[in-house]
Amino acid sequence: MYYVIMIDGIPYMKEGCYIPTYETVDTAEKWARKLSTFGGYRNSKIEVTRATFKPITTVSEGLPK
């Protein structure tokens, strides 16, 4: 089970590149508390939720010949 941090209903993206996942709810809550101290997030709703993943399927590879 993995957890993610949501800010105002949107997954938190670290450096705008990826969504960090946490293996335990305690670790996720620890980082959520740190985020809540940053000025830009003080008035935001920060929550920890379970991450759900769907498998990625490849439709086609390469360029058509």
PDB file of N, CA and C in Angstrom:
ATOM      1  N   MET A   1       0.842  -1.162   0.000  1.00  0.00           N
ATOM      2  CA  MET A   1       0.000   0.000   0.000  1.00  0.00           C
ATOM      3  C   MET A   1       0.898   1.238   0.000  1.00  0.00           C
ATOM      4  N   TYR A   2       0.609   2.158  -0.862  1.00  0.00           N
ATOM      5  CA  TYR A   2       1.372   3.400  -0.934  1.00  0.00           C
ATOM      6  C   TYR A   2       0.448   4.583  -0.664  1.00  0.00           C
ATOM      7  N   TYR A   3       1.041   5.673  -0.205  1.00  0.00           N
ATOM      8  CA  TYR A   3       0.287   6.871   0.146  1.00  0.00           C
ATOM      9  C   TYR A   3       0.864   8.081  -0.576  1.00  0.00           C
ATOM     10  N   VAL A   4       0.008   9.047  -0.883  1.00  0.00           N
ATOM     11  CA  VAL A   4       0.432  10.295  -1.515  1.00  0.00           C
ATOM     12  C   VAL A   4      -0.149  11.468  -0.727  1.00  0.00           C
ATOM     13  N   ILE A   5       0.468  12.626  -0.910  1.00  0.00           N
ATOM     14  CA  ILE A   5      -0.005  13.847  -0.268  1.00  0.00           C
ATOM     15  C   ILE A   5      -0.833  14.622  -1.283  1.00  0.00           C
ATOM     16  N   MET A   6      -2.028  15.013  -0.867  1.00  0.00           N
ATOM     17  CA  MET A   6      -2.913  15.800  -1.720  1.00  0.00           C
ATOM     18  C   MET A   6      -2.985  17.220  -1.164  1.00  0.00           C
ATOM     19  N   ILE A   7      -2.870  18.206  -2.054  1.00  0.00           N
ATOM     20  CA  ILE A   7      -2.998  19.606  -1.662  1.00  0.00           C
ATOM     21  C   ILE A   7      -4.183  20.184  -2.425  1.00  0.00           C
ATOM     22  N   ASP A   8      -5.209  20.552  -1.702  1.00  0.00           N
ATOM     23  CA  ASP A   8      -6.456  21.052  -2.291  1.00  0.00           C
ATOM     24  C   ASP A   8      -7.009  20.087  -3.342  1.00  0.00           C
ATOM     25  N   GLY A   9      -6.914  18.777  -3.063  1.00  0.00           N
ATOM     26  CA  GLY A   9      -7.463  17.761  -3.950  1.00  0.00           C
ATOM     27  C   GLY A   9      -6.596  17.389  -5.138  1.00  0.00           C
ATOM     28  N   ILE A  10      -5.382  17.946  -5.224  1.00  0.00           N
ATOM     29  CA  ILE A  10      -4.467  17.664  -6.333  1.00  0.00           C
ATOM     30  C   ILE A  10      -3.214  17.005  -5.766  1.00  0.00           C
ATOM     31  N   PRO A  11      -2.713  15.929  -6.394  1.00  0.00           N
ATOM     32  CA  PRO A  11      -1.504  15.291  -5.871  1.00  0.00           C
ATOM     33  C   PRO A  11      -0.320  16.263  -5.845  1.00  0.00           C
ATOM     34  N   TYR A  12       0.411  16.234  -4.737  1.00  0.00           N
ATOM     35  CA  TYR A  12       1.602  17.069  -4.587  1.00  0.00           C
ATOM     36  C   TYR A  12       2.680  16.549  -5.521  1.00  0.00           C
ATOM     37  N   MET A  13       3.240  17.436  -6.333  1.00  0.00           N
ATOM     38  CA  MET A  13       4.313  17.058  -7.259  1.00  0.00           C
ATOM     39  C   MET A  13       5.610  17.705  -6.799  1.00  0.00           C
ATOM     40  N   LYS A  14       6.590  16.881  -6.512  1.00  0.00           N
ATOM     41  CA  LYS A  14       7.879  17.390  -6.051  1.00  0.00           C
ATOM     42  C   LYS A  14       8.633  17.983  -7.227  1.00  0.00           C
ATOM     43  N   GLU A  15       8.997  19.239  -7.106  1.00  0.00           N
ATOM     44  CA  GLU A  15       9.737  19.972  -8.135  1.00  0.00           C
ATOM     45  C   GLU A  15       9.008  19.949  -9.477  1.00  0.00           C
ATOM     46  N   GLY A  16       7.698  19.723  -9.459  1.00  0.00           N
ATOM     47  CA  GLY A  16       6.902  19.730 -10.676  1.00  0.00           C
ATOM     48  C   GLY A  16       7.176  18.572 -11.609  1.00  0.00           C
ATOM     49  N   CYS A  17       7.903  17.560 -11.132  1.00  0.00           N
ATOM     50  CA  CYS A  17       8.314  16.466 -12.017  1.00  0.00           C
ATOM     51  C   CYS A  17       7.629  15.138 -11.718  1.00  0.00           C
ATOM     52  N   TYR A  18       7.507  14.796 -10.457  1.00  0.00           N
ATOM     53  CA  TYR A  18       6.961  13.480 -10.131  1.00  0.00           C
ATOM     54  C   TYR A  18       6.158  13.567  -8.836  1.00  0.00           C
ATOM     55  N   ILE A  19       5.312  12.586  -8.631  1.00  0.00           N
ATOM     56  CA  ILE A  19       4.497  12.522  -7.420  1.00  0.00           C
ATOM     57  C   ILE A  19       5.177  11.544  -6.464  1.00  0.00           C
ATOM     58  N   PRO A  20       5.708  12.040  -5.338  1.00  0.00           N
ATOM     59  CA  PRO A  20       6.353  11.124  -4.399  1.00  0.00           C
ATOM     60  C   PRO A  20       5.324  10.223  -3.720  1.00  0.00           C
ATOM     61  N   THR A  21       5.690   8.960  -3.530  1.00  0.00           N
ATOM     62  CA  THR A  21       4.836   8.015  -2.818  1.00  0.00           C
ATOM     63  C   THR A  21       5.556   7.585  -1.549  1.00  0.00           C
ATOM     64  N   TYR A  22       4.779   7.225  -0.550  1.00  0.00           N
ATOM     65  CA  TYR A  22       5.328   6.841   0.746  1.00  0.00           C
ATOM     66  C   TYR A  22       4.786   5.474   1.119  1.00  0.00           C
ATOM     67  N   GLU A  23       5.652   4.621   1.702  1.00  0.00           N
ATOM     68  CA  GLU A  23       5.249   3.257   2.024  1.00  0.00           C
ATOM     69  C   GLU A  23       4.388   3.176   3.277  1.00  0.00           C
ATOM     70  N   THR A  24       4.550   4.129   4.190  1.00  0.00           N
ATOM     71  CA  THR A  24       3.742   4.110   5.410  1.00  0.00           C
ATOM     72  C   THR A  24       2.979   5.422   5.545  1.00  0.00           C
ATOM     73  N   VAL A  25       1.848   5.351   6.217  1.00  0.00           N
ATOM     74  CA  VAL A  25       1.042   6.548   6.430  1.00  0.00           C
ATOM     75  C   VAL A  25       1.768   7.503   7.377  1.00  0.00           C
ATOM     76  N   ASP A  26       2.563   6.962   8.300  1.00  0.00           N
ATOM     77  CA  ASP A  26       3.307   7.817   9.232  1.00  0.00           C
ATOM     78  C   ASP A  26       4.315   8.691   8.508  1.00  0.00           C
ATOM     79  N   THR A  27       5.025   8.116   7.548  1.00  0.00           N
ATOM     80  CA  THR A  27       5.999   8.890   6.773  1.00  0.00           C
ATOM     81  C   THR A  27       5.299   9.956   5.947  1.00  0.00           C
ATOM     82  N   ALA A  28       4.197   9.598   5.330  1.00  0.00           N
ATOM     83  CA  ALA A  28       3.450  10.569   4.522  1.00  0.00           C
ATOM     84  C   ALA A  28       2.937  11.715   5.388  1.00  0.00           C
ATOM     85  N   GLU A  29       2.437  11.397   6.578  1.00  0.00           N
ATOM     86  CA  GLU A  29       1.942  12.442   7.474  1.00  0.00           C
ATOM     87  C   GLU A  29       3.072  13.342   7.959  1.00  0.00           C
ATOM     88  N   LYS A  30       4.246  12.766   8.170  1.00  0.00           N
ATOM     89  CA  LYS A  30       5.408  13.559   8.587  1.00  0.00           C
ATOM     90  C   LYS A  30       5.738  14.608   7.531  1.00  0.00           C
ATOM     91  N   TRP A  31       5.783  14.178   6.257  1.00  0.00           N
ATOM     92  CA  TRP A  31       6.098  15.119   5.176  1.00  0.00           C
ATOM     93  C   TRP A  31       4.961  16.108   4.943  1.00  0.00           C
ATOM     94  N   ALA A  32       3.736  15.683   5.161  1.00  0.00           N
ATOM     95  CA  ALA A  32       2.597  16.596   5.018  1.00  0.00           C
ATOM     96  C   ALA A  32       2.668  17.704   6.071  1.00  0.00           C
ATOM     97  N   ARG A  33       3.078  17.339   7.291  1.00  0.00           N
ATOM     98  CA  ARG A  33       3.236  18.361   8.334  1.00  0.00           C
ATOM     99  C   ARG A  33       4.335  19.348   7.969  1.00  0.00           C
ATOM    100  N   LYS A  34       5.432  18.861   7.368  1.00  0.00           N
ATOM    101  CA  LYS A  34       6.505  19.765   6.933  1.00  0.00           C
ATOM    102  C   LYS A  34       6.008  20.703   5.840  1.00  0.00           C
ATOM    103  N   LEU A  35       5.237  20.161   4.897  1.00  0.00           N
ATOM    104  CA  LEU A  35       4.698  20.998   3.819  1.00  0.00           C
ATOM    105  C   LEU A  35       3.786  22.091   4.357  1.00  0.00           C
ATOM    106  N   SER A  36       3.030  21.770   5.391  1.00  0.00           N
ATOM    107  CA  SER A  36       2.073  22.745   5.917  1.00  0.00           C
ATOM    108  C   SER A  36       2.759  23.948   6.554  1.00  0.00           C
ATOM    109  N   THR A  37       4.054  23.846   6.842  1.00  0.00           N
ATOM    110  CA  THR A  37       4.774  24.981   7.428  1.00  0.00           C
ATOM    111  C   THR A  37       5.287  25.936   6.363  1.00  0.00           C
ATOM    112  N   PHE A  38       5.314  25.521   5.105  1.00  0.00           N
ATOM    113  CA  PHE A  38       5.780  26.397   4.034  1.00  0.00           C
ATOM    114  C   PHE A  38       4.724  27.461   3.758  1.00  0.00           C
ATOM    115  N   GLY A  39       5.165  28.672   3.511  1.00  0.00           N
ATOM    116  CA  GLY A  39       4.264  29.812   3.321  1.00  0.00           C
ATOM    117  C   GLY A  39       3.207  29.612   2.260  1.00  0.00           C
ATOM    118  N   GLY A  40       3.553  29.017   1.129  1.00  0.00           N
ATOM    119  CA  GLY A  40       2.601  28.864   0.035  1.00  0.00           C
ATOM    120  C   GLY A  40       1.491  27.871   0.314  1.00  0.00           C
ATOM    121  N   TYR A  41       1.679  26.998   1.311  1.00  0.00           N
ATOM    122  CA  TYR A  41       0.698  25.952   1.595  1.00  0.00           C
ATOM    123  C   TYR A  41      -0.065  26.171   2.896  1.00  0.00           C
ATOM    124  N   ARG A  42       0.162  27.280   3.582  1.00  0.00           N
ATOM    125  CA  ARG A  42      -0.463  27.492   4.902  1.00  0.00           C
ATOM    126  C   ARG A  42      -1.978  27.565   4.834  1.00  0.00           C
ATOM    127  N   ASN A  43      -2.532  28.085   3.767  1.00  0.00           N
ATOM    128  CA  ASN A  43      -3.991  28.210   3.641  1.00  0.00           C
ATOM    129  C   ASN A  43      -4.594  27.090   2.798  1.00  0.00           C
ATOM    130  N   SER A  44      -3.815  26.056   2.505  1.00  0.00           N
ATOM    131  CA  SER A  44      -4.281  24.953   1.661  1.00  0.00           C
ATOM    132  C   SER A  44      -4.736  23.776   2.517  1.00  0.00           C
ATOM    133  N   LYS A  45      -5.613  22.961   1.947  1.00  0.00           N
ATOM    134  CA  LYS A  45      -6.047  21.729   2.607  1.00  0.00           C
ATOM    135  C   LYS A  45      -5.064  20.629   2.213  1.00  0.00           C
ATOM    136  N   ILE A  46      -4.334  20.112   3.182  1.00  0.00           N
ATOM    137  CA  ILE A  46      -3.338  19.073   2.931  1.00  0.00           C
ATOM    138  C   ILE A  46      -3.831  17.791   3.582  1.00  0.00           C
ATOM    139  N   GLU A  47      -3.866  16.702   2.802  1.00  0.00           N
ATOM    140  CA  GLU A  47      -4.321  15.417   3.326  1.00  0.00           C
ATOM    141  C   GLU A  47      -3.493  14.291   2.730  1.00  0.00           C
ATOM    142  N   VAL A  48      -3.495  13.160   3.421  1.00  0.00           N
ATOM    143  CA  VAL A  48      -2.783  11.967   2.965  1.00  0.00           C
ATOM    144  C   VAL A  48      -3.822  10.953   2.517  1.00  0.00           C
ATOM    145  N   THR A  49      -3.646  10.403   1.310  1.00  0.00           N
ATOM    146  CA  THR A  49      -4.586   9.406   0.793  1.00  0.00           C
ATOM    147  C   THR A  49      -3.824   8.209   0.250  1.00  0.00           C
ATOM    148  N   ARG A  50      -4.535   7.123   0.067  1.00  0.00           N
ATOM    149  CA  ARG A  50      -3.933   5.936  -0.547  1.00  0.00           C
ATOM    150  C   ARG A  50      -3.729   6.171  -2.030  1.00  0.00           C
ATOM    151  N   ALA A  51      -2.610   5.682  -2.531  1.00  0.00           N
ATOM    152  CA  ALA A  51      -2.336   5.795  -3.965  1.00  0.00           C
ATOM    153  C   ALA A  51      -2.891   4.561  -4.660  1.00  0.00           C
ATOM    154  N   THR A  52      -3.557   4.775  -5.777  1.00  0.00           N
ATOM    155  CA  THR A  52      -4.021   3.660  -6.594  1.00  0.00           C
ATOM    156  C   THR A  52      -3.348   3.773  -7.948  1.00  0.00           C
ATOM    157  N   PHE A  53      -2.852   2.681  -8.422  1.00  0.00           N
ATOM    158  CA  PHE A  53      -2.127   2.668  -9.680  1.00  0.00           C
ATOM    159  C   PHE A  53      -2.826   1.760 -10.676  1.00  0.00           C
ATOM    160  N   LYS A  54      -2.797   2.159 -11.919  1.00  0.00           N
ATOM    161  CA  LYS A  54      -3.319   1.323 -12.993  1.00  0.00           C
ATOM    162  C   LYS A  54      -2.134   0.919 -13.864  1.00  0.00           C
ATOM    163  N   PRO A  55      -2.124  -0.297 -14.365  1.00  0.00           N
ATOM    164  CA  PRO A  55      -1.007  -0.703 -15.220  1.00  0.00           C
ATOM    165  C   PRO A  55      -0.959   0.114 -16.508  1.00  0.00           C
ATOM    166  N   ILE A  56       0.246   0.386 -16.950  1.00  0.00           N
ATOM    167  CA  ILE A  56       0.442   1.117 -18.203  1.00  0.00           C
ATOM    168  C   ILE A  56       0.507   0.097 -19.330  1.00  0.00           C
ATOM    169  N   THR A  57      -0.285   0.302 -20.361  1.00  0.00           N
ATOM    170  CA  THR A  57      -0.253  -0.600 -21.506  1.00  0.00           C
ATOM    171  C   THR A  57       0.299   0.148 -22.712  1.00  0.00           C
ATOM    172  N   THR A  58       1.090  -0.545 -23.499  1.00  0.00           N
ATOM    173  CA  THR A  58       1.665   0.042 -24.703  1.00  0.00           C
ATOM    174  C   THR A  58       0.790  -0.330 -25.884  1.00  0.00           C
ATOM    175  N   VAL A  59       0.311   0.667 -26.594  1.00  0.00           N
ATOM    176  CA  VAL A  59      -0.546   0.412 -27.743  1.00  0.00           C
ATOM    177  C   VAL A  59       0.301   0.081 -28.958  1.00  0.00           C
ATOM    178  N   SER A  60       1.324   0.877 -29.209  1.00  0.00           N
ATOM    179  CA  SER A  60       2.228   0.593 -30.325  1.00  0.00           C
ATOM    180  C   SER A  60       3.591   1.163 -29.992  1.00  0.00           C
ATOM    181  N   GLU A  61       4.593   0.629 -30.633  1.00  0.00           N
ATOM    182  CA  GLU A  61       5.951   1.105 -30.410  1.00  0.00           C
ATOM    183  C   GLU A  61       6.558   1.533 -31.727  1.00  0.00           C
ATOM    184  N   GLY A  62       7.313   2.596 -31.692  1.00  0.00           N
ATOM    185  CA  GLY A  62       8.011   3.045 -32.888  1.00  0.00           C
ATOM    186  C   GLY A  62       7.106   3.787 -33.856  1.00  0.00           C
ATOM    187  N   LEU A  63       7.717   4.264 -34.900  1.00  0.00           N
ATOM    188  CA  LEU A  63       6.992   4.988 -35.939  1.00  0.00           C
ATOM    189  C   LEU A  63       6.447   4.027 -36.981  1.00  0.00           C
ATOM    190  N   PRO A  64       5.318   4.348 -37.614  1.00  0.00           N
ATOM    191  CA  PRO A  64       4.795   3.475 -38.667  1.00  0.00           C
ATOM    192  C   PRO A  64       5.747   3.448 -39.859  1.00  0.00           C
ATOM    193  N   LYS A  65       5.806   2.297 -40.522  1.00  0.00           N
ATOM    194  CA  LYS A  65       6.713   2.149 -41.677  1.00  0.00           C
ATOM    195  C   LYS A  65       6.015   2.462 -42.959  1.00  0.00           C
TER     196      LYS A  65
END
